[in-house]
Amino acid sequence: MNDTTTHSAATASRFIDAGRWAISTIFLLNGVGIGLWAAHVPTVQARMGINTGMLSMVLLTIAAGALLAMPLMGGLTGRWGTRRMVLVSGFAFALMLGVIMMVPNLQLLFGAAFLFGVSNGALDVAMNANASEVETARGLPTMSSFHGFFSLGGLFGAAIGGVLIGQGWGHGQGALGMALACAVILALVTPRVMGFAPHADGASHFALPRGAAVGLGLLALLCFAVEGALVDWSALLMRERTGASEASAALGFSAFSIAMAACRFAGDRLIVRFGAVRVMVLGGLAMFAGLALATTSTHFALSACGFALIGLGAANVVPLLIGAGGRIPGMSPGAGVAAVATLGYGGLLLAPPVLGWVAMHSSVTMALGMLSLSGLVIALNARILKHK
């Protein structure tokens, strides 16, 4: 009897570990796709002959598609299960990754951008919901490492995109090849993605933020706002404060990205050792201190260290909030994740234009300096995790 129990436990453990690495691979592939697209944005702009304003509308269309898909996917994961939705949205994302960089005219680019956003938003919710279920099955913090694979994939995707463009394959040929490779890898890991019983509560509604998800989502919004602001404004801040060249100024965001990826892989161990609340408090304080350093220093190295400190602080905040969203009582993991992610993603949309308005009337330094208060708000409200 004991031998049978031990054998069953070992089999279950191997099954869960296989599911963990399968969904980790999908996080990696999603990151690769986003990094690949980011590297191709200037190439797509040049090929279409559009100005910065029109490009901004294309990027906004992607974000709009994602925002529309997230609450819908929250309901679908509850009805059909996270495994099925991960696979459907994963293959759709791989398809649109190839299409968006090969369309021949502006009208089709807007259509492809919307569908690319829809597939990415849907995959974001589905894979995070499945990851939350895997984390629960393991009984150990795991979400940070999943997001670490996404960050690592983003770095890989951007690097691969740069190589493809450098080889003259930047007009869609290389992206199509990468999309096919992602689809093949997705098919190979499909049998290992864990399937969980659907949750009836997600069967008939959009997973709009409600109840406990609102507080979690608002904190996620603040963290995403910092990330979105750094994408658009970090290089300008470096040039304004330190006088760095265009090439050197880009290193600020690189320091942020590398620090974030590294800390996410260490995040699960940190949470086990220090607890989720303490990790989130320290994360918020690090975000505040990093932004303060980056916006006040006139020395290149200190400013870069500030961006790295922001990455270290922000690394585990969103994984903790997303994981908590997947454990809200009375909501399916997909519905909870979708609700938190929908609000959080709004930060990526709102922060750049709002900060741009502030910068226009003052300076980039002032705009990002005001945003540093987000870290304090996150730290002061970290105890919200104790109730999830």
Protein backbone atom coordinates (compact mmCIF):
# COMPACT_ATOMS: atom_id res chain seq x y z
CA MET A 1 0.00 0.00 0.00
CA ASN A 2 2.77 2.39 0.92
CA ASP A 3 4.71 1.49 -2.22
CA THR A 4 1.65 2.16 -4.34
CA THR A 5 1.09 5.54 -2.68
CA THR A 6 4.74 6.48 -3.12
CA HIS A 7 4.66 5.46 -6.78
CA SER A 8 1.47 7.47 -7.38
CA ALA A 9 2.98 10.54 -5.70
CA ALA A 10 6.14 10.24 -7.80
CA THR A 11 4.08 9.89 -11.00
CA ALA A 12 1.99 12.93 -10.09
CA SER A 13 5.14 14.93 -9.34
CA ARG A 14 6.65 14.07 -12.74
CA PHE A 15 3.38 14.99 -14.46
CA ILE A 16 3.30 18.38 -12.73
CA ASP A 17 6.98 19.03 -13.49
CA ALA A 18 6.37 18.22 -17.15
CA GLY A 19 3.44 20.64 -17.18
CA ARG A 20 5.58 23.30 -15.54
CA TRP A 21 8.28 23.10 -18.21
CA ALA A 22 5.71 22.95 -21.01
CA ILE A 23 4.01 26.18 -19.96
CA SER A 24 7.44 27.74 -19.30
CA THR A 25 8.28 27.02 -22.94
CA ILE A 26 5.11 28.78 -24.06
CA PHE A 27 6.01 31.83 -21.94
CA LEU A 28 9.42 31.77 -23.66
CA LEU A 29 7.85 31.55 -27.13
CA ASN A 30 5.49 34.44 -26.37
CA GLY A 31 8.46 36.54 -25.26
CA VAL A 32 10.38 35.63 -28.41
CA GLY A 33 7.44 36.76 -30.54
CA ILE A 34 7.10 40.10 -28.75
CA GLY A 35 10.85 40.73 -28.93
CA LEU A 36 10.88 39.81 -32.62
CA TRP A 37 8.05 42.27 -33.32
CA ALA A 38 9.77 45.03 -31.31
CA ALA A 39 12.92 44.61 -33.41
CA HIS A 40 10.91 44.83 -36.65
CA VAL A 41 8.83 47.93 -35.79
CA PRO A 42 11.25 50.41 -37.47
CA THR A 43 11.49 48.13 -40.51
CA VAL A 44 7.71 47.88 -40.83
CA GLN A 45 7.44 51.67 -40.49
CA ALA A 46 10.01 52.24 -43.23
CA ARG A 47 8.47 49.67 -45.56
CA MET A 48 4.99 51.17 -45.17
CA GLY A 49 6.31 54.72 -45.44
CA ILE A 50 4.32 55.92 -42.41
CA ASN A 51 5.21 58.66 -39.95
CA THR A 52 5.52 58.34 -36.18
CA GLY A 53 1.92 59.41 -35.60
CA MET A 54 0.54 56.68 -37.87
CA LEU A 55 2.88 54.14 -36.30
CA SER A 56 1.50 55.11 -32.89
CA MET A 57 -2.00 54.34 -34.19
CA VAL A 58 -0.84 50.91 -35.33
CA LEU A 59 0.65 50.22 -31.89
CA LEU A 60 -2.53 51.47 -30.23
CA THR A 61 -4.54 49.08 -32.41
CA ILE A 62 -2.44 46.17 -31.13
CA ALA A 63 -3.09 47.26 -27.54
CA ALA A 64 -6.82 47.69 -28.21
CA GLY A 65 -7.04 44.16 -29.60
CA ALA A 66 -5.30 42.78 -26.52
CA LEU A 67 -7.58 44.69 -24.14
CA LEU A 68 -10.69 43.39 -25.90
CA ALA A 69 -9.44 39.80 -25.90
CA MET A 70 -8.39 39.60 -22.24
CA PRO A 71 -11.81 39.64 -20.56
CA LEU A 72 -13.24 37.38 -23.26
CA MET A 73 -10.46 34.85 -22.73
CA GLY A 74 -11.10 34.95 -18.99
CA GLY A 75 -14.59 33.62 -19.63
CA LEU A 76 -13.49 31.08 -22.24
CA THR A 77 -10.83 29.55 -19.98
CA GLY A 78 -13.50 29.01 -17.35
CA ARG A 79 -15.77 27.32 -19.87
CA TRP A 80 -13.28 25.29 -21.91
CA GLY A 81 -10.26 24.98 -19.61
CA THR A 82 -6.89 26.70 -19.73
CA ARG A 83 -5.08 23.98 -21.68
CA ARG A 84 -7.36 24.21 -24.71
CA MET A 85 -7.26 28.00 -24.71
CA VAL A 86 -3.44 28.05 -24.40
CA LEU A 87 -3.17 25.92 -27.52
CA VAL A 88 -5.75 27.84 -29.58
CA SER A 89 -4.34 31.26 -28.69
CA GLY A 90 -0.75 30.02 -29.00
CA PHE A 91 -1.17 28.86 -32.58
CA ALA A 92 -3.12 32.04 -33.42
CA PHE A 93 -0.26 34.14 -32.02
CA ALA A 94 2.32 32.22 -34.07
CA LEU A 95 0.22 32.73 -37.22
CA MET A 96 -0.23 36.47 -36.68
CA LEU A 97 3.45 36.91 -35.81
CA GLY A 98 4.27 35.97 -39.40
CA VAL A 99 1.35 37.83 -40.97
CA ILE A 100 1.82 41.24 -39.34
CA MET A 101 5.30 41.71 -40.79
CA MET A 102 4.38 40.61 -44.33
CA VAL A 103 1.16 42.52 -45.13
CA PRO A 104 1.51 44.66 -48.29
CA ASN A 105 -0.47 47.81 -47.40
CA LEU A 106 -1.55 50.02 -44.51
CA GLN A 107 -5.16 48.82 -44.39
CA LEU A 108 -4.09 45.21 -43.98
CA LEU A 109 -1.46 46.28 -41.45
CA PHE A 110 -4.17 47.71 -39.20
CA GLY A 111 -6.20 44.51 -39.54
CA ALA A 112 -3.18 42.35 -38.80
CA ALA A 113 -2.22 44.60 -35.87
CA PHE A 114 -5.65 44.18 -34.30
CA LEU A 115 -5.59 40.38 -34.68
CA PHE A 116 -2.00 40.25 -33.44
CA GLY A 117 -3.13 42.12 -30.34
CA VAL A 118 -6.13 39.84 -29.89
CA SER A 119 -4.00 36.69 -30.12
CA ASN A 120 -1.34 38.09 -27.79
CA GLY A 121 -3.89 39.25 -25.19
CA ALA A 122 -5.67 35.91 -25.34
CA LEU A 123 -2.42 33.96 -24.98
CA ASP A 124 -1.32 36.21 -22.11
CA VAL A 125 -4.44 35.37 -20.08
CA ALA A 126 -4.56 31.69 -21.02
CA MET A 127 -0.92 30.91 -20.25
CA ASN A 128 -0.99 32.87 -16.97
CA ALA A 129 -4.16 31.07 -15.90
CA ASN A 130 -2.61 27.69 -16.70
CA ALA A 131 0.57 28.76 -14.88
CA SER A 132 -1.51 29.70 -11.84
CA GLU A 133 -3.07 26.24 -11.84
CA VAL A 134 0.36 24.61 -12.15
CA GLU A 135 1.62 26.74 -9.27
CA THR A 136 -1.32 25.61 -7.13
CA ALA A 137 -0.71 21.97 -8.07
CA ARG A 138 2.97 22.27 -7.09
CA GLY A 139 2.19 24.01 -3.82
CA LEU A 140 5.25 26.23 -4.29
CA PRO A 141 5.78 29.75 -5.71
CA THR A 142 6.44 29.36 -9.42
CA MET A 143 4.92 32.35 -11.20
CA SER A 144 8.07 34.50 -11.14
CA SER A 145 10.07 31.91 -13.06
CA PHE A 146 7.32 31.68 -15.69
CA HIS A 147 7.59 35.43 -16.24
CA GLY A 148 11.37 35.06 -16.22
CA PHE A 149 11.08 32.83 -19.27
CA PHE A 150 8.94 35.50 -20.95
CA SER A 151 11.59 38.15 -20.24
CA LEU A 152 14.34 35.83 -21.50
CA GLY A 153 12.32 35.17 -24.64
CA GLY A 154 11.98 38.91 -25.23
CA LEU A 155 15.75 39.33 -25.13
CA PHE A 156 16.22 36.34 -27.47
CA GLY A 157 13.52 37.59 -29.86
CA ALA A 158 15.00 41.07 -30.09
CA ALA A 159 18.47 39.63 -30.72
CA ILE A 160 17.19 37.20 -33.36
CA GLY A 161 15.22 40.01 -35.00
CA GLY A 162 18.36 42.13 -35.20
CA VAL A 163 20.25 39.29 -36.88
CA LEU A 164 17.43 38.64 -39.37
CA ILE A 165 17.23 42.32 -40.31
CA GLY A 166 21.01 42.50 -40.62
CA GLN A 167 20.92 39.58 -43.06
CA GLY A 168 18.34 41.31 -45.23
CA TRP A 169 15.42 39.16 -44.05
CA GLY A 170 13.59 41.94 -42.26
CA HIS A 171 10.65 42.28 -44.65
CA GLY A 172 8.78 39.26 -43.31
CA GLN A 173 10.78 36.30 -44.59
CA GLY A 174 12.72 35.83 -41.37
CA ALA A 175 9.67 36.51 -39.18
CA LEU A 176 7.65 33.94 -41.09
CA GLY A 177 10.38 31.36 -40.54
CA MET A 178 10.43 32.17 -36.81
CA ALA A 179 6.63 31.95 -36.66
CA LEU A 180 6.75 28.48 -38.20
CA ALA A 181 9.48 27.44 -35.74
CA CYS A 182 7.36 28.68 -32.82
CA ALA A 183 4.35 26.72 -34.13
CA VAL A 184 6.42 23.54 -34.41
CA ILE A 185 7.79 23.92 -30.87
CA LEU A 186 4.28 24.61 -29.59
CA ALA A 187 3.05 21.41 -31.23
CA LEU A 188 5.88 19.46 -29.61
CA VAL A 189 5.10 20.69 -26.08
CA THR A 190 1.32 20.36 -26.50
CA PRO A 191 1.10 16.87 -24.96
CA ARG A 192 2.82 18.13 -21.80
CA VAL A 193 0.61 21.15 -21.10
CA MET A 194 -1.46 20.27 -18.04
CA GLY A 195 -5.22 20.09 -18.39
CA PHE A 196 -7.45 21.15 -15.50
CA ALA A 197 -11.20 20.87 -15.07
CA PRO A 198 -13.09 23.91 -16.38
CA HIS A 199 -14.67 26.28 -13.85
CA ALA A 200 -18.37 26.88 -14.29
CA ASP A 201 -18.21 30.48 -13.06
CA GLY A 202 -16.32 31.54 -16.18
CA ALA A 203 -18.78 29.98 -18.59
CA SER A 204 -20.99 32.91 -19.50
CA HIS A 205 -19.37 36.27 -18.81
CA PHE A 206 -16.49 38.54 -19.63
CA ALA A 207 -13.88 38.55 -16.85
CA LEU A 208 -14.08 42.27 -16.18
CA PRO A 209 -12.41 43.54 -13.00
CA ARG A 210 -14.65 43.17 -9.96
CA GLY A 211 -14.30 42.67 -6.24
CA ALA A 212 -10.84 41.73 -5.01
CA ALA A 213 -9.47 41.81 -8.56
CA VAL A 214 -9.82 45.60 -8.70
CA GLY A 215 -7.20 46.26 -6.00
CA LEU A 216 -4.79 43.77 -7.52
CA GLY A 217 -5.39 45.19 -10.99
CA LEU A 218 -4.77 48.77 -9.94
CA LEU A 219 -1.40 47.84 -8.43
CA ALA A 220 -0.59 45.93 -11.62
CA LEU A 221 -1.56 49.06 -13.58
CA LEU A 222 1.02 51.10 -11.65
CA CYS A 223 3.76 48.53 -12.28
CA PHE A 224 2.89 48.23 -15.97
CA ALA A 225 2.85 52.02 -16.19
CA VAL A 226 6.47 52.10 -15.04
CA GLU A 227 7.44 49.41 -17.57
CA GLY A 228 5.59 51.14 -20.41
CA ALA A 229 7.13 54.50 -19.54
CA LEU A 230 10.64 53.07 -19.62
CA VAL A 231 10.10 51.57 -23.07
CA ASP A 232 9.27 54.99 -24.52
CA TRP A 233 11.13 57.46 -22.31
CA SER A 234 14.23 55.84 -20.77
CA ALA A 235 16.54 56.72 -23.68
CA LEU A 236 15.29 60.31 -23.75
CA LEU A 237 15.84 60.62 -20.01
CA MET A 238 19.41 59.33 -20.32
CA ARG A 239 20.16 61.86 -23.04
CA GLU A 240 18.49 64.72 -21.16
CA ARG A 241 20.16 64.04 -17.82
CA THR A 242 23.56 62.60 -18.78
CA GLY A 243 24.17 63.84 -22.33
CA ALA A 244 24.65 60.26 -23.56
CA SER A 245 24.70 59.45 -27.27
CA GLU A 246 21.71 57.72 -28.88
CA ALA A 247 23.47 54.36 -28.85
CA SER A 248 24.59 54.68 -25.23
CA ALA A 249 21.20 55.96 -24.06
CA ALA A 250 19.60 52.69 -25.16
CA LEU A 251 21.68 50.87 -22.55
CA GLY A 252 19.41 52.21 -19.81
CA PHE A 253 16.51 50.07 -20.96
CA SER A 254 18.87 47.14 -21.52
CA ALA A 255 19.99 47.38 -17.89
CA PHE A 256 16.35 47.38 -16.81
CA SER A 257 15.46 44.35 -18.98
CA ILE A 258 18.45 42.22 -17.98
CA ALA A 259 18.01 42.96 -14.27
CA MET A 260 14.31 42.11 -14.49
CA ALA A 261 14.91 38.79 -16.26
CA ALA A 262 17.60 37.75 -13.77
CA CYS A 263 15.53 38.67 -10.72
CA ARG A 264 12.47 36.84 -12.01
CA PHE A 265 14.38 33.58 -12.11
CA ALA A 266 15.43 34.17 -8.51
CA GLY A 267 11.97 35.37 -7.51
CA ASP A 268 10.42 32.03 -6.53
CA ARG A 269 13.25 31.30 -4.08
CA LEU A 270 13.04 34.82 -2.66
CA ILE A 271 9.29 34.42 -2.09
CA VAL A 272 9.78 31.08 -0.32
CA ARG A 273 12.46 32.57 1.91
CA PHE A 274 11.07 36.01 2.69
CA GLY A 275 7.37 35.77 1.88
CA ALA A 276 5.30 37.36 -0.88
CA VAL A 277 4.40 40.51 1.06
CA ARG A 278 7.99 41.32 1.98
CA VAL A 279 9.20 40.71 -1.59
CA MET A 280 6.53 43.07 -2.91
CA VAL A 281 7.36 45.76 -0.32
CA LEU A 282 11.04 45.61 -1.25
CA GLY A 283 10.12 45.57 -4.93
CA GLY A 284 8.04 48.73 -4.64
CA LEU A 285 10.75 50.50 -2.66
CA ALA A 286 13.38 49.47 -5.22
CA MET A 287 11.21 50.85 -8.04
CA PHE A 288 10.88 54.16 -6.17
CA ALA A 289 14.60 54.36 -5.39
CA GLY A 290 15.61 53.35 -8.93
CA LEU A 291 13.41 55.96 -10.59
CA ALA A 292 14.60 58.59 -8.13
CA LEU A 293 18.23 57.76 -8.92
CA ALA A 294 17.66 57.64 -12.69
CA THR A 295 15.85 60.99 -12.74
CA THR A 296 18.23 62.91 -10.45
CA SER A 297 21.65 61.61 -11.45
CA THR A 298 23.68 63.33 -14.14
CA HIS A 299 26.21 60.48 -14.30
CA PHE A 300 25.66 57.81 -16.94
CA ALA A 301 26.71 54.86 -14.78
CA LEU A 302 24.53 55.91 -11.83
CA SER A 303 21.56 56.49 -14.09
CA ALA A 304 22.01 53.02 -15.64
CA CYS A 305 22.20 51.55 -12.13
CA GLY A 306 18.93 53.30 -11.38
CA PHE A 307 17.26 51.57 -14.33
CA ALA A 308 18.70 48.22 -13.22
CA LEU A 309 17.30 48.80 -9.73
CA ILE A 310 13.86 49.46 -11.23
CA GLY A 311 14.13 46.13 -13.07
CA LEU A 312 15.07 44.31 -9.87
CA GLY A 313 12.14 45.87 -8.04
CA ALA A 314 9.48 45.43 -10.73
CA ALA A 315 10.55 41.89 -11.61
CA ASN A 316 8.30 40.02 -9.18
CA VAL A 317 5.50 42.52 -8.58
CA VAL A 318 3.37 41.59 -11.61
CA PRO A 319 3.91 37.80 -11.21
CA LEU A 320 2.78 38.09 -7.57
CA LEU A 321 -0.31 40.09 -8.52
CA ILE A 322 -1.20 37.82 -11.45
CA GLY A 323 -0.74 34.74 -9.25
CA ALA A 324 -2.98 36.25 -6.58
CA GLY A 325 -5.58 37.00 -9.26
CA GLY A 326 -5.64 33.32 -10.16
CA ARG A 327 -6.50 32.42 -6.54
CA ILE A 328 -9.38 34.82 -5.88
CA PRO A 329 -12.20 32.90 -4.12
CA GLY A 330 -15.30 32.56 -6.25
CA MET A 331 -13.50 33.23 -9.55
CA SER A 332 -11.87 30.79 -11.94
CA PRO A 333 -8.10 31.21 -12.42
CA GLY A 334 -8.71 32.47 -15.95
CA ALA A 335 -11.31 35.01 -14.87
CA GLY A 336 -9.13 36.29 -12.03
CA VAL A 337 -6.02 36.54 -14.18
CA ALA A 338 -7.96 38.26 -16.97
CA ALA A 339 -9.43 40.82 -14.60
CA VAL A 340 -6.03 41.74 -13.12
CA ALA A 341 -4.30 41.68 -16.51
CA THR A 342 -6.96 43.86 -18.17
CA LEU A 343 -6.51 46.64 -15.61
CA GLY A 344 -2.75 46.19 -15.58
CA TYR A 345 -2.48 46.36 -19.34
CA GLY A 346 -4.28 49.68 -19.18
CA GLY A 347 -1.13 51.05 -17.54
CA LEU A 348 0.86 50.27 -20.69
CA LEU A 349 -1.72 52.22 -22.69
CA LEU A 350 -2.20 55.22 -20.43
CA ALA A 351 1.30 55.88 -19.08
CA PRO A 352 3.18 56.87 -22.28
CA PRO A 353 0.67 59.51 -23.51
CA VAL A 354 0.01 60.90 -20.01
CA LEU A 355 3.72 61.15 -19.30
CA GLY A 356 4.24 62.65 -22.74
CA TRP A 357 1.75 65.41 -21.87
CA VAL A 358 3.53 66.06 -18.55
CA ALA A 359 6.92 66.06 -20.29
CA MET A 360 5.66 68.51 -22.91
CA HIS A 361 4.66 70.96 -20.18
CA SER A 362 7.72 70.36 -17.99
CA SER A 363 10.37 67.72 -18.76
CA VAL A 364 10.91 63.99 -19.10
CA THR A 365 12.72 64.14 -15.76
CA MET A 366 9.66 65.59 -14.04
CA ALA A 367 7.30 63.09 -15.69
CA LEU A 368 9.29 60.02 -14.64
CA GLY A 369 10.03 61.54 -11.25
CA MET A 370 6.29 61.75 -10.57
CA LEU A 371 5.92 58.12 -11.67
CA SER A 372 8.39 57.04 -8.98
CA LEU A 373 5.54 57.45 -6.48
CA SER A 374 4.01 54.30 -8.02
CA GLY A 375 6.69 52.27 -6.23
CA LEU A 376 5.68 53.72 -2.86
CA VAL A 377 2.00 52.98 -3.50
CA ILE A 378 2.84 49.36 -4.38
CA ALA A 379 4.99 48.95 -1.25
CA LEU A 380 2.33 50.46 1.03
CA ASN A 381 -0.38 48.16 -0.33
CA ALA A 382 1.62 44.92 -0.46
CA ARG A 383 -0.46 43.39 2.34
CA ILE A 384 -3.24 42.86 -0.21
CA LEU A 385 -1.42 39.61 -1.06
CA LYS A 386 -2.12 38.21 2.43
CA HIS A 387 -5.81 38.03 1.63
CA LYS A 388 -5.39 36.04 -1.60
